[in-house]
């Protein structure tokens, strides 16, 4: 596959993913109301995009016209973005200490007051429609910048996503890349028990999308897959189905109720050492 990572770059991205996993747990310890399970399943996706030279962005000018647009539809599951944005220079790292406290712009559900976020991310099911509109607008302006959007698999139960899926295919939005964080668990049960839309690959192919599937935690495979999808221009929107594990590496991993469960403070202390290294397994 094209866009393979060098061994050095691969190790750098793996190290960043470990650091982000660690910081996400520490954020959850400070603010237990955050949705930690959802935020752990997309760590490697965020790391590949922001540290793997896949996104065009300017932390000193978050609304830079030349940026790629990245819409995070599953906003509640993007607390793992906070340390990345801080580390990349969108805001000071010290702000992480104030999450969910009075005067902090880092809330349990992010919105555009946070430098680096494009949209309101509360109600699910809207991100793909918004991103599709952005992509059409970019095309009409002759702008070749990309639009990416991250949704959770449970979010696909919202009918508005399927309207957007048809819209994007109808308009041939090949500047649009959808990333599905397919961790298999919705808010209160396994996704297939809430509304079974499987097999998702076959459905999206039938709807006229270019479909890629990958292990969402395997950076060696994930990065080139994202790179290939983002760069491809064949008159069709692209989707990367990233198979992930909800709550990965914690006691709530793959629990049907992991979406609403907390990782206790003493478990965080056990999993994360004082130097910030991960203690998995």
Foldseek 3Di string as FASTA:
>chain_A
DPPFDDPVLLVVLVQQLQLLLLLLQVLCQLPVQQQSLLQNFQSSVLSLCLVVPPWDADLVCLVPVLTAAEAEQQQSNNSSVVCVSCVVPNHPPVLSNQACHPPRQHYSGHAVVRRNHDGRHDDHLCRLVVQLVVLVVCVVVVHLHAYEYEDEPLSVVDPSNVVSLLVQQVQLSLSYEYEYSDQQADQQFGSCVVPNPPPPQVVSVVSREAEAEEASVNSSPVNVVSNCSNPDRDSHHYYYYHHTWGNPQAPCIPPNNSSRDGGHPVRSPVQADPVSGGDGD
